[in-house]
Amino acid sequence: MQLEIGKIYNGKVKGITQYGAFVDIEGGGSGMVHISEIANAYVSEIRDHLTENQEVKVKVIGINEAGKVSLSIKKAVENPAPPRPKRQNDGQNRSKPNVWEPKKQTPPSEMTFEDMMSRFKQSSEERMCDLKRSTDRKNGTRRK
């Protein structure tokens, strides 16, 4: 059977590794679903999402020159990630537009890669500013 890129097939999980799952596709052929293509949320342990001999729908997202097939479970799902919720202050606190409210912490399992990267950049920038301030204070006292 000739697999086509972009088509969705039924398959069965035949093996699970740290980096992905191997799936046999109905009608012939097999491929691998990388850990990043299993779910829309962050996946740290594949076995939390898949089991061997589980029936899954997969989408062929690529075939390289050597004939290795790349599959995606999250792209085969008809309804992608739910729409983002409206901002907390929409329609509220119009009289106080500059009111700061702490951001609610989302658990890592619900965070997207972009959210994690943004949080990392912010904390890194804060730490660098604190370090620079501390260093400037120390250098300033030595010069007197």
Protein backbone atom coordinates (compact mmCIF):
# COMPACT_ATOMS: atom_id res chain seq x y z
CA MET A 1 0.00 0.00 0.00
CA GLN A 2 1.30 3.44 -0.94
CA LEU A 3 0.96 5.96 1.91
CA GLU A 4 0.11 9.55 1.01
CA ILE A 5 1.30 12.60 2.92
CA GLY A 6 -1.62 14.44 4.49
CA LYS A 7 -3.99 11.46 4.63
CA ILE A 8 -5.39 10.04 7.86
CA TYR A 9 -5.18 6.28 8.48
CA ASN A 10 -6.18 3.87 11.24
CA GLY A 11 -3.30 2.14 12.96
CA LYS A 12 -2.22 0.07 15.92
CA VAL A 13 0.59 0.97 18.34
CA LYS A 14 3.24 -1.76 18.11
CA GLY A 15 6.05 -0.32 20.20
CA ILE A 16 6.76 2.56 22.58
CA THR A 17 10.15 4.18 23.18
CA GLN A 18 11.29 7.28 25.08
CA TYR A 19 11.08 9.44 21.97
CA GLY A 20 7.95 8.11 20.25
CA ALA A 21 5.67 5.26 19.32
CA PHE A 22 5.79 2.90 16.35
CA VAL A 23 2.47 2.37 14.60
CA ASP A 24 1.42 -0.28 12.06
CA ILE A 25 -1.02 1.22 9.58
CA GLU A 26 -4.05 -0.77 8.37
CA GLY A 27 -3.53 -1.99 4.82
CA GLY A 28 0.25 -2.15 5.16
CA GLY A 29 3.04 0.16 6.13
CA SER A 30 4.29 1.49 9.42
CA GLY A 31 5.77 4.65 10.81
CA MET A 32 6.74 6.50 13.94
CA VAL A 33 4.86 9.12 15.94
CA HIS A 34 7.40 11.43 17.61
CA ILE A 35 6.69 12.37 21.24
CA SER A 36 5.93 15.95 20.13
CA GLU A 37 3.17 14.69 17.80
CA ILE A 38 1.22 12.62 20.34
CA ALA A 39 -0.91 15.29 22.02
CA ASN A 40 -1.53 19.03 21.97
CA ALA A 41 -0.32 19.27 25.58
CA TYR A 42 3.22 18.65 26.81
CA VAL A 43 3.99 14.91 26.92
CA SER A 44 6.65 13.83 29.37
CA GLU A 45 5.76 10.13 29.49
CA ILE A 46 4.35 8.50 26.35
CA ARG A 47 2.83 5.60 28.28
CA ASP A 48 0.47 8.08 29.97
CA HIS A 49 -1.13 8.67 26.54
CA LEU A 50 -0.64 5.42 24.62
CA THR A 51 -0.50 1.69 25.23
CA GLU A 52 0.73 -1.12 23.02
CA ASN A 53 -1.92 -2.61 20.68
CA GLN A 54 -4.04 0.54 21.07
CA GLU A 55 -6.02 1.58 17.98
CA VAL A 56 -5.19 5.16 16.92
CA LYS A 57 -5.86 7.52 14.04
CA VAL A 58 -2.67 8.89 12.53
CA LYS A 59 -1.87 11.44 9.84
CA VAL A 60 1.13 10.99 7.56
CA ILE A 61 3.17 14.18 7.89
CA GLY A 62 6.29 13.12 6.04
CA ILE A 63 8.24 10.41 4.26
CA ASN A 64 12.00 10.83 3.94
CA GLU A 65 14.30 9.57 1.17
CA ALA A 66 15.01 6.34 3.08
CA GLY A 67 11.27 5.59 3.21
CA LYS A 68 10.80 6.32 6.92
CA VAL A 69 7.27 7.52 7.62
CA SER A 70 6.58 10.32 10.11
CA LEU A 71 3.13 10.22 11.71
CA SER A 72 1.09 12.54 13.93
CA ILE A 73 -1.76 11.67 16.26
CA LYS A 74 -2.51 15.26 17.29
CA LYS A 75 -2.90 16.40 13.66
CA ALA A 76 -5.24 13.49 12.93
CA VAL A 77 -7.69 14.69 15.57
CA GLU A 78 -10.56 16.56 13.90
CA ASN A 79 -11.03 19.17 16.64
CA PRO A 80 -7.69 20.80 17.48
CA ALA A 81 -6.86 22.54 20.76
CA PRO A 82 -9.79 24.32 22.40
CA PRO A 83 -9.98 28.08 21.77
CA ARG A 84 -8.11 30.21 24.24
CA PRO A 85 -10.28 31.65 27.00
CA LYS A 86 -11.05 35.36 26.99
CA ARG A 87 -8.83 37.61 29.03
CA GLN A 88 -9.78 37.82 32.66
CA ASN A 89 -10.40 41.60 32.63
CA ASP A 90 -12.61 41.74 29.52
CA GLY A 91 -15.65 43.81 30.45
CA GLN A 92 -14.44 44.21 34.03
CA ASN A 93 -12.49 46.86 35.91
CA ARG A 94 -13.05 49.47 33.20
CA SER A 95 -12.80 52.23 35.81
CA LYS A 96 -9.34 50.97 36.84
CA PRO A 97 -7.52 50.03 33.60
CA ASN A 98 -4.08 49.81 35.24
CA VAL A 99 -4.95 47.36 37.99
CA TRP A 100 -2.34 44.63 38.19
CA GLU A 101 -3.51 41.14 38.99
CA PRO A 102 -1.12 38.23 39.49
CA LYS A 103 -1.07 35.72 36.69
CA LYS A 104 -2.53 32.35 37.61
CA GLN A 105 -0.01 29.53 37.43
CA THR A 106 -0.96 26.84 34.92
CA PRO A 107 0.35 23.34 35.52
CA PRO A 108 3.15 22.26 33.13
CA SER A 109 0.90 19.62 31.57
CA GLU A 110 -1.42 22.35 30.22
CA MET A 111 1.29 24.76 29.06
CA THR A 112 2.30 25.11 25.44
CA PHE A 113 5.95 25.30 24.44
CA GLU A 114 5.54 29.03 23.76
CA ASP A 115 4.17 29.58 27.29
CA MET A 116 7.08 27.69 28.84
CA MET A 117 9.59 29.62 26.70
CA SER A 118 7.99 32.95 27.64
CA ARG A 119 8.09 32.08 31.35
CA PHE A 120 11.75 31.02 31.04
CA LYS A 121 12.72 34.26 29.25
CA GLN A 122 10.94 36.37 31.84
CA SER A 123 12.57 34.65 34.83
CA SER A 124 15.96 34.71 33.11
CA GLU A 125 15.67 38.45 32.45
CA GLU A 126 14.69 39.09 36.10
CA ARG A 127 17.65 37.08 37.35
CA MET A 128 20.06 38.88 35.03
CA CYS A 129 18.78 42.29 36.23
CA ASP A 130 19.18 41.23 39.87
CA LEU A 131 22.70 39.98 39.20
CA LYS A 132 23.65 43.19 37.38
CA ARG A 133 22.23 45.33 40.20
CA SER A 134 24.14 43.31 42.78
CA THR A 135 27.37 43.54 40.79
CA ASP A 136 26.97 47.31 40.27
CA ARG A 137 26.45 47.84 44.01
CA LYS A 138 29.59 45.85 44.83
CA ASN A 139 31.68 47.67 42.23
CA GLY A 140 30.38 51.07 43.36
CA THR A 141 31.46 50.55 46.98
CA ARG A 142 35.04 49.59 45.98
CA ARG A 143 35.69 52.80 44.05
CA LYS A 144 35.18 55.13 47.05
